[in-house]
Amino acid sequence: MSVRRRHTLRALSVATAVVALAAGCSSANSGANKSGGAGASGVLTLGKPDGPQTNNSNPFLATSASATLGYRVMIYEPLVMTNQIRPTDKGDPWLATDWAWEDNFRKVTFTLDERAKWADGKPLTAADVAYTFELLKKHPALNGNGIPYDGIAVDGKKVVLTFKESQFVNQNKIITTYVVPKHIWEKVENPETWPNRNPVGSGPYKLKTFTPQTTTLTATPSYWKGETKVKELRYTAYNDNSAATTALANGKVEWSFVFMPDYKQLYVAKDPENHKLWFPSGLGIHGLWFNTARKPFDNPALRKAMAMVVDRNAIHVQAEATLYPEITNPTGIPLPAGEPFLAPEYKSASTEPDVAGAKKILADAGFTLSGGVLKDPGGKPVTLTFTDPAGWNDYITGLSIIKDNIKQLGIEAKVKTQTAEAWGNDVATGNFDATLHWTNSGATPYDMYQNIMDGAILQPIGKSSQLGNFGRFKSPEATAALKEYANASDDATRTKAMNVLQKIMVEQAPLIPTAAAPIGAEYSTKNWVGWPTEEDPYAAPQHTQPDALEIVLNLKPAK
């Protein structure tokens, strides 16, 4: 599995423990290859195990190749560049030289950089920025963060956004919005489905060639921020983790995030001087999402019972190879980063499997166990299909463990694999029983819970949900608590709402948390130096994150 979400991954808490694997703790620049190589030629190679891609560079669509591979962040730029692992730090000015929030985060004013221009030479203006926000307001399918835009106005060289409610929890999402050129997008008949095969952005790169296997970007000589050292970016889509790992190990790929069952032997040992890893983690998680719109998974007792028997430690060791931090609290909040947010009743709670307790919950809810088969209150055997992409061996192993765990309750499951593209579409449209998938991450657990439980982004089965709540979880109480947290003006109100969300997560189990979600990467210092490290955490290391652009602009050829 690779962590693809940036539209889904949010900024991480400063309180987050930044986890650097032993293999990646040394200085990333100390082992530079003195002979140069690809760095000297200006080429940086990247790869991901997502299988063949369809030519689509729409930056607002989470299923587009530009989002999956991550190259959208090299073409389109944000108003402000935030550091995903230091979200409370003030962002770096980018397309905007200044931004100011007012009225309890109901108003923000952007002052634009007059130097900014599009790759076709036209100036980037306040009209482009206002158009971009109008586009997202008009087309919910493009509004991946679900921002409730209200007023959008141009005031000279400034753009003013107003909202009916506080955007405290959305502030980083708003200021990091990708800006698109009005003179191109206003001619598009349906931007929600537009593949945008010849993307024009303000970033330092433009699309050179696209094939289902390899996408190549080339540097724009006229980039408004100046010349870039990396002249070409080559993104390769591998069919599975094994192929991507091999490419990393032999140096064909220099930057990636791919799960490895034995990273020391498979990757680091192949070039100990240059092969590095860094895996900072945050308040997002991986977990088993239930389709709560399908029976019997609409029954919270069944979901909770299944959650009670899942062996998280086995998943941590066997499926995640200890790369991802273990989930030890049933609220799903990763520890120790999330310790300050835990409700008093869950501070000492554990995720130790409890088969007897799970069976009692099922019996009390009207489920029966006969001949080793669990039957729902209507007498129908409980069966389900787990789905995830073929080749994502960490997820597939995790599903196998869960399958064995729930068999103790009399539940029969099977595992079906798909292409990453087909799976992504099925998850978005609700065409699944249960699937391992990640959540959003943020400066607090709000983003994680909002992604899982928010009724405000609930879509019916068959309609694509770009914003989250893939499990179609319907809880007015959860939706109200999320709203209360987002609009609160004091910590006491936020704490109360957060405690409610934790109780819903534990008691109704819309998702079974399986691991904390790092935003890490493998990278090579053989040809390029200047990577972020634990000692210099200027950006999240994963190349699908928005601040990946800042990394590329920071890289220099090894000498």
Protein backbone atom coordinates (compact mmCIF):
# COMPACT_ATOMS: atom_id res chain seq x y z
CA MET A 1 0.00 0.00 0.00
CA SER A 2 1.21 3.48 -0.61
CA VAL A 3 -0.09 6.55 1.13
CA ARG A 4 -1.73 8.44 -1.65
CA ARG A 5 -4.00 10.82 -0.02
CA ARG A 6 -3.05 14.23 -0.03
CA HIS A 7 -6.29 15.48 -0.62
CA THR A 8 -7.13 13.31 2.30
CA LEU A 9 -4.06 13.67 4.51
CA ARG A 10 -4.21 16.81 6.56
CA ALA A 11 -1.62 18.67 8.57
CA LEU A 12 -0.18 16.84 11.55
CA SER A 13 -0.02 17.94 15.17
CA VAL A 14 3.12 19.58 16.46
CA ALA A 15 2.68 17.30 19.41
CA THR A 16 3.05 14.37 17.03
CA ALA A 17 5.99 12.16 17.79
CA VAL A 18 8.14 12.28 14.67
CA VAL A 19 9.22 8.73 14.06
CA ALA A 20 12.43 8.26 12.14
CA LEU A 21 13.38 4.69 11.41
CA ALA A 22 16.88 3.74 12.39
CA ALA A 23 17.81 3.37 8.76
CA GLY A 24 16.85 6.95 8.05
CA CYS A 25 18.04 8.80 11.14
CA SER A 26 21.47 9.72 9.84
CA SER A 27 22.02 12.84 7.82
CA ALA A 28 20.37 12.38 4.45
CA ASN A 29 23.08 14.37 2.75
CA SER A 30 26.14 12.72 4.26
CA GLY A 31 26.28 9.84 1.83
CA ALA A 32 26.18 11.68 -1.45
CA ASN A 33 27.67 9.87 -4.41
CA LYS A 34 30.64 11.85 -5.59
CA SER A 35 30.16 10.84 -9.19
CA GLY A 36 26.92 12.69 -9.78
CA GLY A 37 24.79 10.44 -11.98
CA ALA A 38 21.11 11.16 -12.60
CA GLY A 39 21.39 14.27 -10.46
CA ALA A 40 23.98 15.65 -12.83
CA SER A 41 21.60 15.04 -15.75
CA GLY A 42 18.80 16.80 -13.93
CA VAL A 43 16.45 13.78 -13.76
CA LEU A 44 14.68 12.65 -10.58
CA THR A 45 12.86 9.31 -10.70
CA LEU A 46 9.78 8.55 -8.60
CA GLY A 47 7.53 5.51 -8.37
CA LYS A 48 4.44 4.09 -6.69
CA PRO A 49 2.76 0.66 -6.64
CA ASP A 50 -0.58 1.81 -8.02
CA GLY A 51 -0.72 -0.01 -11.35
CA PRO A 52 -1.44 1.47 -14.80
CA GLN A 53 -2.95 4.94 -14.77
CA THR A 54 -5.52 6.71 -16.94
CA ASN A 55 -4.48 10.03 -18.46
CA ASN A 56 -6.13 12.51 -16.11
CA SER A 57 -4.46 15.57 -14.62
CA ASN A 58 -7.47 17.19 -12.97
CA PRO A 59 -5.90 18.40 -9.70
CA PHE A 60 -9.21 18.41 -7.83
CA LEU A 61 -10.12 14.77 -8.47
CA ALA A 62 -8.72 12.36 -5.90
CA THR A 63 -8.86 9.50 -8.43
CA SER A 64 -6.89 11.29 -11.15
CA ALA A 65 -3.41 10.11 -12.08
CA SER A 66 -2.07 13.50 -11.01
CA ALA A 67 -3.38 12.90 -7.48
CA THR A 68 -2.49 9.21 -7.28
CA LEU A 69 1.08 9.65 -8.49
CA GLY A 70 1.44 13.06 -6.85
CA TYR A 71 2.55 15.13 -9.82
CA ARG A 72 -0.32 17.62 -9.49
CA VAL A 73 1.67 19.36 -6.73
CA MET A 74 4.46 20.09 -9.21
CA ILE A 75 2.13 21.74 -11.74
CA TYR A 76 -0.39 23.57 -9.55
CA GLU A 77 0.56 25.72 -6.58
CA PRO A 78 -1.13 26.76 -3.33
CA LEU A 79 -1.61 30.24 -1.93
CA VAL A 80 0.40 29.21 1.12
CA MET A 81 2.83 26.33 1.61
CA THR A 82 2.28 24.62 4.96
CA ASN A 83 4.50 22.01 6.58
CA GLN A 84 2.45 18.84 6.99
CA ILE A 85 4.41 17.73 10.05
CA ARG A 86 4.37 21.15 11.73
CA PRO A 87 0.83 22.37 11.06
CA THR A 88 0.68 25.04 13.73
CA ASP A 89 3.73 26.78 12.26
CA LYS A 90 2.85 29.73 10.06
CA GLY A 91 2.98 28.68 6.42
CA ASP A 92 5.40 30.01 3.84
CA PRO A 93 4.07 32.68 1.47
CA TRP A 94 3.62 31.21 -1.99
CA LEU A 95 1.09 32.57 -4.48
CA ALA A 96 -0.03 34.83 -1.65
CA THR A 97 2.44 37.13 0.07
CA ASP A 98 0.07 37.65 2.98
CA TRP A 99 -3.16 36.23 4.40
CA ALA A 100 -5.17 37.39 7.37
CA TRP A 101 -8.05 35.74 9.23
CA GLU A 102 -10.77 37.74 10.96
CA ASP A 103 -14.14 37.32 12.71
CA ASN A 104 -13.36 33.97 14.42
CA PHE A 105 -12.11 32.44 11.16
CA ARG A 106 -15.14 33.55 9.14
CA LYS A 107 -13.13 35.81 6.84
CA VAL A 108 -9.73 35.58 5.19
CA THR A 109 -8.01 38.08 2.89
CA PHE A 110 -5.22 37.04 0.52
CA THR A 111 -2.70 39.46 -0.93
CA LEU A 112 -1.24 37.98 -4.11
CA ASP A 113 2.36 37.91 -5.27
CA GLU A 114 2.51 40.15 -8.33
CA ARG A 115 5.33 38.07 -9.83
CA ALA A 116 3.21 34.92 -10.17
CA LYS A 117 2.35 33.76 -13.67
CA TRP A 118 1.08 30.74 -15.52
CA ALA A 119 3.28 28.38 -17.52
CA ASP A 120 1.82 29.85 -20.73
CA GLY A 121 3.19 33.26 -19.75
CA LYS A 122 -0.06 34.91 -18.72
CA PRO A 123 -0.12 36.67 -15.32
CA LEU A 124 -1.75 34.96 -12.35
CA THR A 125 -4.24 37.42 -10.93
CA ALA A 126 -6.82 37.82 -8.20
CA ALA A 127 -9.43 36.91 -10.83
CA ASP A 128 -7.82 33.46 -11.18
CA VAL A 129 -7.86 32.89 -7.44
CA ALA A 130 -11.47 34.03 -7.08
CA TYR A 131 -12.45 31.86 -10.06
CA THR A 132 -10.81 28.84 -8.44
CA PHE A 133 -12.81 29.24 -5.25
CA GLU A 134 -16.00 29.86 -7.25
CA LEU A 135 -15.29 26.64 -9.14
CA LEU A 136 -15.04 24.68 -5.90
CA LYS A 137 -18.14 26.34 -4.50
CA LYS A 138 -20.17 25.50 -7.61
CA HIS A 139 -18.90 21.94 -8.04
CA PRO A 140 -18.96 19.84 -4.86
CA ALA A 141 -17.26 16.95 -6.67
CA LEU A 142 -14.16 19.13 -7.00
CA ASN A 143 -14.35 20.47 -3.45
CA GLY A 144 -12.29 17.65 -1.94
CA ASN A 145 -12.10 19.29 1.47
CA GLY A 146 -15.82 20.04 1.67
CA ILE A 147 -15.23 23.71 2.40
CA PRO A 148 -18.53 25.66 2.79
CA TYR A 149 -17.58 28.70 0.70
CA ASP A 150 -19.89 31.68 0.91
CA GLY A 151 -18.68 35.10 -0.22
CA ILE A 152 -15.87 35.31 -2.79
CA ALA A 153 -14.75 38.78 -3.83
CA VAL A 154 -11.86 40.52 -5.58
CA ASP A 155 -10.58 43.69 -3.96
CA GLY A 156 -7.89 45.08 -6.24
CA LYS A 157 -5.00 42.64 -5.98
CA LYS A 158 -6.58 40.92 -3.02
CA VAL A 159 -9.12 38.12 -2.72
CA VAL A 160 -11.56 38.03 0.19
CA LEU A 161 -13.38 34.88 1.29
CA THR A 162 -16.18 34.91 3.84
CA PHE A 163 -17.94 32.04 5.55
CA LYS A 164 -21.13 31.65 7.55
CA GLU A 165 -19.35 29.59 10.19
CA SER A 166 -15.89 29.43 11.72
CA GLN A 167 -13.26 27.73 9.57
CA PHE A 168 -10.91 27.06 12.48
CA VAL A 169 -10.54 23.40 11.52
CA ASN A 170 -10.29 24.17 7.79
CA GLN A 171 -7.84 27.05 7.76
CA ASN A 172 -4.86 25.06 6.43
CA LYS A 173 -7.06 23.35 3.84
CA ILE A 174 -8.27 26.68 2.48
CA ILE A 175 -4.90 28.39 2.22
CA THR A 176 -3.36 25.34 0.48
CA THR A 177 -5.99 25.15 -2.28
CA TYR A 178 -4.56 24.51 -5.76
CA VAL A 179 -5.14 27.57 -7.96
CA VAL A 180 -6.09 27.06 -11.62
CA PRO A 181 -6.11 29.50 -14.57
CA LYS A 182 -9.48 31.08 -15.28
CA HIS A 183 -8.71 31.63 -18.98
CA ILE A 184 -8.48 27.87 -19.48
CA TRP A 185 -10.95 26.38 -17.02
CA GLU A 186 -13.82 28.76 -17.79
CA LYS A 187 -14.02 27.16 -21.25
CA VAL A 188 -14.50 23.66 -19.84
CA GLU A 189 -18.06 22.34 -20.15
CA ASN A 190 -17.93 19.93 -17.20
CA PRO A 191 -14.91 20.45 -14.90
CA GLU A 192 -16.08 17.60 -12.64
CA THR A 193 -15.21 15.04 -15.31
CA TRP A 194 -12.61 16.97 -17.33
CA PRO A 195 -9.40 14.91 -17.70
CA ASN A 196 -7.27 18.04 -18.21
CA ARG A 197 -4.73 16.18 -20.35
CA ASN A 198 -2.68 19.29 -21.12
CA PRO A 199 -2.49 20.91 -17.68
CA VAL A 200 -1.32 24.52 -17.38
CA GLY A 201 -0.35 25.60 -13.89
CA SER A 202 1.85 28.14 -12.20
CA GLY A 203 4.27 25.54 -10.84
CA PRO A 204 7.78 24.82 -12.07
CA TYR A 205 6.81 21.78 -14.15
CA LYS A 206 4.60 20.93 -17.10
CA LEU A 207 3.47 17.57 -18.45
CA LYS A 208 5.81 16.28 -21.14
CA THR A 209 4.54 12.75 -21.81
CA PHE A 210 1.97 10.40 -20.33
CA THR A 211 1.62 6.64 -20.62
CA PRO A 212 -0.26 4.28 -18.29
CA GLN A 213 3.11 3.25 -16.86
CA THR A 214 5.23 6.41 -16.88
CA THR A 215 4.50 10.12 -16.63
CA THR A 216 7.23 12.64 -17.32
CA LEU A 217 7.27 16.28 -16.30
CA THR A 218 9.75 18.80 -17.56
CA ALA A 219 10.86 22.03 -15.92
CA THR A 220 9.31 25.30 -17.08
CA PRO A 221 12.16 27.67 -18.01
CA SER A 222 10.04 30.70 -17.17
CA TYR A 223 9.00 29.57 -13.68
CA TRP A 224 8.21 32.73 -11.75
CA LYS A 225 10.20 31.72 -8.68
CA GLY A 226 13.35 31.06 -10.66
CA GLU A 227 15.34 28.19 -12.10
CA THR A 228 15.03 24.67 -10.70
CA LYS A 229 17.90 22.21 -10.34
CA VAL A 230 15.67 19.21 -11.07
CA LYS A 231 14.97 19.48 -14.79
CA GLU A 232 12.82 16.40 -15.23
CA LEU A 233 10.54 14.29 -13.01
CA ARG A 234 9.72 10.73 -14.07
CA TYR A 235 6.85 8.98 -12.28
CA THR A 236 6.49 5.24 -12.82
CA ALA A 237 3.40 3.29 -11.78
CA TYR A 238 4.41 -0.21 -10.72
CA ASN A 239 1.94 -3.07 -10.49
CA ASP A 240 2.67 -3.99 -6.90
CA ASN A 241 4.85 -3.38 -3.86
CA SER A 242 7.37 -6.03 -4.89
CA ALA A 243 8.10 -4.37 -8.23
CA ALA A 244 8.35 -0.93 -6.64
CA THR A 245 10.67 -2.25 -3.94
CA THR A 246 12.95 -3.82 -6.53
CA ALA A 247 13.09 -0.53 -8.43
CA LEU A 248 14.03 1.32 -5.24
CA ALA A 249 16.64 -1.26 -4.29
CA ASN A 250 18.42 -1.17 -7.65
CA GLY A 251 18.29 2.63 -7.90
CA LYS A 252 15.83 2.83 -10.78
CA VAL A 253 13.51 4.77 -8.47
CA GLU A 254 14.98 7.41 -6.16
CA TRP A 255 11.89 8.56 -4.26
CA SER A 256 8.81 6.62 -3.22
CA PHE A 257 6.64 5.37 -0.43
CA VAL A 258 6.14 1.64 -0.61
CA PHE A 259 5.53 -0.87 2.14
CA MET A 260 8.40 -3.33 2.65
CA PRO A 261 8.14 -6.37 4.91
CA ASP A 262 11.89 -6.19 5.66
CA TYR A 263 13.12 -2.70 4.74
CA LYS A 264 16.62 -3.19 6.18
CA GLN A 265 17.39 -6.18 4.00
CA LEU A 266 15.33 -5.30 0.93
CA TYR A 267 16.29 -1.63 0.65
CA VAL A 268 18.83 -0.20 3.08
CA ALA A 269 21.36 -3.02 2.75
CA LYS A 270 21.50 -2.59 -1.04
CA ASP A 271 23.20 0.80 -0.60
CA PRO A 272 23.62 1.66 3.11
CA GLU A 273 25.39 4.92 2.30
CA ASN A 274 22.55 6.38 0.23
CA HIS A 275 19.30 4.46 0.82
CA LYS A 276 17.35 6.35 3.49
CA LEU A 277 13.90 6.26 5.08
CA TRP A 278 12.03 8.75 7.22
CA PHE A 279 8.54 8.06 8.55
CA PRO A 280 7.02 10.90 10.58
CA SER A 281 3.57 9.96 11.80
CA GLY A 282 0.51 11.87 12.82
CA LEU A 283 -3.13 11.70 13.88
CA GLY A 284 -4.46 9.87 10.86
CA ILE A 285 -4.98 6.13 10.78
CA HIS A 286 -5.50 3.11 8.58
CA GLY A 287 -8.53 1.01 9.30
CA LEU A 288 -11.22 -1.36 8.12
CA TRP A 289 -14.11 0.72 6.79
CA PHE A 290 -17.56 -0.88 6.87
CA ASN A 291 -20.21 -0.10 4.31
CA THR A 292 -22.86 0.76 6.89
CA ALA A 293 -25.49 1.16 4.17
CA ARG A 294 -25.42 -2.59 3.59
CA LYS A 295 -27.00 -5.15 5.88
CA PRO A 296 -25.96 -6.53 8.30
CA PHE A 297 -23.11 -4.02 8.56
CA ASP A 298 -25.64 -1.33 9.43
CA ASN A 299 -25.83 -3.00 12.85
CA PRO A 300 -23.44 -1.28 15.31
CA ALA A 301 -23.36 -4.34 17.59
CA LEU A 302 -21.89 -6.44 14.77
CA ARG A 303 -19.27 -3.81 13.92
CA LYS A 304 -18.28 -3.33 17.56
CA ALA A 305 -17.98 -7.07 18.14
CA MET A 306 -15.73 -7.42 15.12
CA ALA A 307 -13.60 -4.54 16.37
CA MET A 308 -13.22 -6.27 19.72
CA VAL A 309 -11.61 -9.39 18.24
CA VAL A 310 -9.17 -7.83 15.77
CA ASP A 311 -5.56 -8.44 16.80
CA ARG A 312 -3.88 -5.05 16.20
CA ASN A 313 -0.51 -6.29 17.43
CA ALA A 314 -0.51 -9.08 14.85
CA ILE A 315 -1.31 -6.51 12.17
CA HIS A 316 1.47 -4.25 13.49
CA VAL A 317 4.06 -7.03 13.38
CA GLN A 318 2.96 -9.26 10.52
CA ALA A 319 1.18 -6.90 8.14
CA GLU A 320 2.94 -3.60 8.78
CA ALA A 321 6.38 -5.04 9.65
CA THR A 322 6.42 -2.54 12.57
CA LEU A 323 6.79 0.34 10.07
CA TYR A 324 3.48 1.89 11.12
CA PRO A 325 2.90 2.74 14.79
CA GLU A 326 0.56 0.32 16.54
CA ILE A 327 -2.96 1.36 17.52
CA THR A 328 -3.45 0.54 21.20
CA ASN A 329 -6.59 2.53 22.04
CA PRO A 330 -10.11 1.65 20.79
CA THR A 331 -10.83 5.32 20.03
CA GLY A 332 -8.39 4.99 17.14
CA ILE A 333 -6.41 8.00 18.37
CA PRO A 334 -2.71 7.25 17.83
CA LEU A 335 -0.55 7.43 20.94
CA PRO A 336 1.41 9.14 22.31
CA ALA A 337 0.61 11.97 19.89
CA GLY A 338 -3.08 11.90 20.72
CA GLU A 339 -2.75 11.44 24.47
CA PRO A 340 -3.96 14.99 25.32
CA PHE A 341 -7.21 14.39 23.43
CA LEU A 342 -8.27 11.12 25.08
CA ALA A 343 -11.54 11.19 27.01
CA PRO A 344 -11.13 10.18 30.67
CA GLU A 345 -13.12 6.97 30.18
CA TYR A 346 -10.71 5.75 27.49
CA LYS A 347 -7.35 6.73 28.94
CA SER A 348 -6.69 3.20 30.17
CA ALA A 349 -8.70 1.40 27.48
CA SER A 350 -7.03 -1.32 25.45
CA THR A 351 -7.39 -2.97 22.06
CA GLU A 352 -6.52 -6.41 23.44
CA PRO A 353 -8.81 -8.94 21.71
CA ASP A 354 -11.88 -9.88 23.75
CA VAL A 355 -13.68 -12.74 22.04
CA ALA A 356 -15.94 -13.57 25.00
CA GLY A 357 -17.02 -9.94 25.33
CA ALA A 358 -17.70 -9.72 21.61
CA LYS A 359 -19.86 -12.86 21.65
CA LYS A 360 -21.94 -11.44 24.50
CA ILE A 361 -22.56 -8.19 22.60
CA LEU A 362 -23.72 -10.18 19.58
CA ALA A 363 -26.01 -12.39 21.66
CA ASP A 364 -27.54 -9.37 23.38
CA ALA A 365 -28.22 -7.84 19.95
CA GLY A 366 -30.08 -10.92 18.71
CA PHE A 367 -27.32 -12.66 16.77
CA THR A 368 -27.06 -16.42 17.17
CA LEU A 369 -24.17 -18.84 16.80
CA SER A 370 -25.14 -22.23 15.42
CA GLY A 371 -22.72 -24.87 14.15
CA GLY A 372 -19.92 -22.34 14.14
CA VAL A 373 -21.91 -19.97 11.91
CA LEU A 374 -23.05 -16.54 13.10
CA LYS A 375 -26.54 -15.62 12.03
CA ASP A 376 -28.06 -12.15 12.14
CA PRO A 377 -31.34 -11.42 13.98
CA GLY A 378 -33.21 -12.41 10.81
CA GLY A 379 -31.53 -15.82 10.71
CA LYS A 380 -29.20 -15.11 7.78
CA PRO A 381 -25.53 -16.21 8.00
CA VAL A 382 -23.13 -13.29 8.35
CA THR A 383 -20.64 -13.26 5.49
CA LEU A 384 -18.65 -10.50 3.88
CA THR A 385 -16.06 -9.73 1.23
CA PHE A 386 -12.94 -7.73 1.94
CA THR A 387 -11.56 -5.73 -0.98
CA ASP A 388 -8.25 -3.99 -1.61
CA PRO A 389 -5.85 -3.58 -4.53
CA ALA A 390 -3.76 -6.56 -5.59
CA GLY A 391 -0.12 -6.12 -4.69
CA TRP A 392 -0.73 -4.01 -1.59
CA ASN A 393 0.67 -6.82 0.53
CA ASP A 394 0.46 -4.96 3.84
CA TYR A 395 -3.27 -4.44 3.37
CA ILE A 396 -3.82 -7.94 2.00
CA THR A 397 -1.96 -9.48 4.93
CA GLY A 398 -3.98 -7.30 7.30
CA LEU A 399 -7.22 -8.50 5.75
CA SER A 400 -6.07 -12.11 6.13
CA ILE A 401 -5.44 -11.54 9.84
CA ILE A 402 -8.84 -9.88 10.32
CA LYS A 403 -10.49 -12.71 8.38
CA ASP A 404 -9.03 -15.24 10.84
CA ASN A 405 -9.92 -13.06 13.83
CA ILE A 406 -13.62 -12.73 12.99
CA LYS A 407 -13.92 -16.42 12.20
CA GLN A 408 -13.82 -16.85 15.99
CA LEU A 409 -17.24 -15.18 15.99
CA GLY A 410 -18.59 -17.47 13.27
CA ILE A 411 -18.21 -14.88 10.50
CA GLU A 412 -17.02 -16.13 7.14
CA ALA A 413 -15.07 -13.67 4.99
CA LYS A 414 -13.27 -13.78 1.68
CA VAL A 415 -10.69 -11.43 0.21
CA LYS A 416 -11.10 -10.00 -3.28
CA THR A 417 -8.32 -8.03 -4.97
CA GLN A 418 -8.75 -5.36 -7.64
CA THR A 419 -6.74 -2.87 -9.60
CA ALA A 420 -6.05 0.29 -7.59
CA GLU A 421 -8.19 2.31 -9.99
CA ALA A 422 -11.20 -0.02 -9.79
CA TRP A 423 -10.90 -0.23 -6.03
CA GLY A 424 -10.72 3.55 -5.69
CA ASN A 425 -13.89 3.94 -7.72
CA ASP A 426 -15.70 1.25 -5.72
CA VAL A 427 -14.72 2.82 -2.42
CA ALA A 428 -15.88 6.24 -3.60
CA THR A 429 -19.26 4.94 -4.79
CA GLY A 430 -19.90 2.59 -1.87
CA ASN A 431 -19.54 -0.64 -3.83
CA PHE A 432 -17.95 -2.77 -1.09
CA ASP A 433 -18.64 -4.64 2.16
CA ALA A 434 -15.47 -3.71 4.01
CA THR A 435 -12.05 -2.43 2.97
CA LEU A 436 -8.79 -1.30 4.48
CA HIS A 437 -8.30 2.39 3.74
CA TRP A 438 -6.69 5.42 5.37
CA THR A 439 -8.30 8.48 6.94
CA ASN A 440 -7.57 12.16 6.92
CA SER A 441 -5.04 13.49 9.39
CA GLY A 442 -4.87 16.85 11.10
CA ALA A 443 -3.61 18.92 13.96
CA THR A 444 -6.23 17.21 16.17
CA PRO A 445 -8.26 13.98 15.84
CA TYR A 446 -11.10 16.07 14.39
CA ASP A 447 -9.98 15.50 10.81
CA MET A 448 -9.82 11.76 11.30
CA TYR A 449 -13.29 11.57 12.85
CA GLN A 450 -14.79 14.02 10.36
CA ASN A 451 -13.49 11.89 7.50
CA ILE A 452 -15.15 8.80 8.99
CA MET A 453 -18.42 10.05 10.50
CA ASP A 454 -19.56 13.38 9.10
CA GLY A 455 -23.15 13.30 7.86
CA ALA A 456 -22.58 16.62 6.11
CA ILE A 457 -20.54 14.82 3.44
CA LEU A 458 -22.70 11.69 3.30
CA GLN A 459 -23.48 10.55 -0.24
CA PRO A 460 -25.96 7.86 -1.31
CA ILE A 461 -24.70 4.55 -2.64
CA GLY A 462 -23.72 4.96 -6.27
CA LYS A 463 -22.79 8.62 -6.01
CA SER A 464 -19.07 9.29 -5.72
CA SER A 465 -17.92 10.59 -2.37
CA GLN A 466 -14.72 12.56 -2.86
CA LEU A 467 -14.80 13.99 0.63
CA GLY A 468 -14.83 10.92 2.86
CA ASN A 469 -17.46 9.02 4.85
CA PHE A 470 -16.91 6.19 2.38
CA GLY A 471 -18.75 3.88 4.77
CA ARG A 472 -21.94 5.98 4.48
CA PHE A 473 -22.09 6.23 8.28
CA LYS A 474 -25.20 8.09 9.40
CA SER A 475 -25.15 9.51 12.92
CA PRO A 476 -26.84 12.83 13.64
CA GLU A 477 -25.07 12.83 17.02
CA ALA A 478 -21.64 12.52 15.40
CA THR A 479 -22.45 15.18 12.82
CA ALA A 480 -23.60 17.55 15.57
CA ALA A 481 -20.47 16.92 17.67
CA LEU A 482 -18.23 17.56 14.66
CA LYS A 483 -20.04 20.80 13.98
CA GLU A 484 -19.78 21.84 17.61
CA TYR A 485 -16.06 21.17 17.63
CA ALA A 486 -15.50 23.10 14.41
CA ASN A 487 -17.47 26.15 15.57
CA ALA A 488 -16.32 26.24 19.19
CA SER A 489 -14.67 29.36 20.50
CA ASP A 490 -13.17 27.74 23.61
CA ASP A 491 -11.25 24.58 24.54
CA ALA A 492 -13.88 23.30 26.98
CA THR A 493 -16.50 23.09 24.22
CA ARG A 494 -14.05 21.36 21.90
CA THR A 495 -13.12 18.83 24.59
CA LYS A 496 -16.76 17.97 25.22
CA ALA A 497 -17.42 17.42 21.52
CA MET A 498 -14.24 15.36 21.10
CA ASN A 499 -15.29 13.08 23.96
CA VAL A 500 -18.64 12.46 22.25
CA LEU A 501 -16.88 11.50 19.01
CA GLN A 502 -14.64 9.04 20.81
CA LYS A 503 -17.62 7.33 22.45
CA ILE A 504 -19.37 6.97 19.07
CA MET A 505 -16.19 5.55 17.54
CA VAL A 506 -15.89 2.92 20.26
CA GLU A 507 -19.57 2.03 20.68
CA GLN A 508 -20.66 2.10 17.04
CA ALA A 509 -17.38 1.24 15.27
CA PRO A 510 -17.95 2.79 11.82
CA LEU A 511 -14.33 1.80 11.23
CA ILE A 512 -11.91 -0.59 12.94
CA PRO A 513 -8.60 1.25 13.49
CA THR A 514 -5.67 -0.98 12.52
CA ALA A 515 -2.56 1.25 12.43
CA ALA A 516 -1.40 4.84 12.71
CA ALA A 517 -0.71 6.46 9.34
CA PRO A 518 2.79 7.78 8.71
CA ILE A 519 3.56 10.10 5.81
CA GLY A 520 6.97 8.65 5.21
CA ALA A 521 9.16 7.90 2.25
CA GLU A 522 12.18 6.08 0.95
CA TYR A 523 14.69 8.22 -0.90
CA SER A 524 18.22 8.03 -2.24
CA THR A 525 21.01 10.55 -1.69
CA LYS A 526 23.15 9.05 -4.45
CA ASN A 527 22.18 11.64 -7.05
CA TRP A 528 20.22 14.26 -5.11
CA VAL A 529 20.76 15.90 -1.72
CA GLY A 530 18.68 18.30 0.34
CA TRP A 531 15.97 15.92 1.52
CA PRO A 532 13.98 16.65 4.69
CA THR A 533 15.16 14.67 7.69
CA GLU A 534 14.37 14.32 11.37
CA GLU A 535 17.11 16.90 11.99
CA ASP A 536 15.77 19.22 9.28
CA PRO A 537 11.99 18.55 9.09
CA TYR A 538 11.15 21.37 6.70
CA ALA A 539 8.54 19.25 4.88
CA ALA A 540 6.78 15.89 4.97
CA PRO A 541 8.96 13.47 2.99
CA GLN A 542 6.23 11.77 0.95
CA HIS A 543 6.01 12.92 -2.66
CA THR A 544 2.21 13.03 -2.86
CA GLN A 545 2.01 15.69 -0.14
CA PRO A 546 1.52 19.36 -1.10
CA ASP A 547 4.89 20.33 0.36
CA ALA A 548 6.63 17.83 -1.94
CA LEU A 549 7.09 20.80 -4.27
CA GLU A 550 9.17 22.50 -1.61
CA ILE A 551 11.36 19.39 -1.41
CA VAL A 552 12.01 19.32 -5.14
CA LEU A 553 12.89 23.01 -5.13
CA ASN A 554 15.32 22.31 -2.29
CA LEU A 555 17.13 19.41 -3.98
CA LYS A 556 20.58 19.81 -5.48
CA PRO A 557 22.70 17.38 -7.49
CA ALA A 558 25.07 15.32 -5.39
CA LYS A 559 28.71 16.14 -6.06
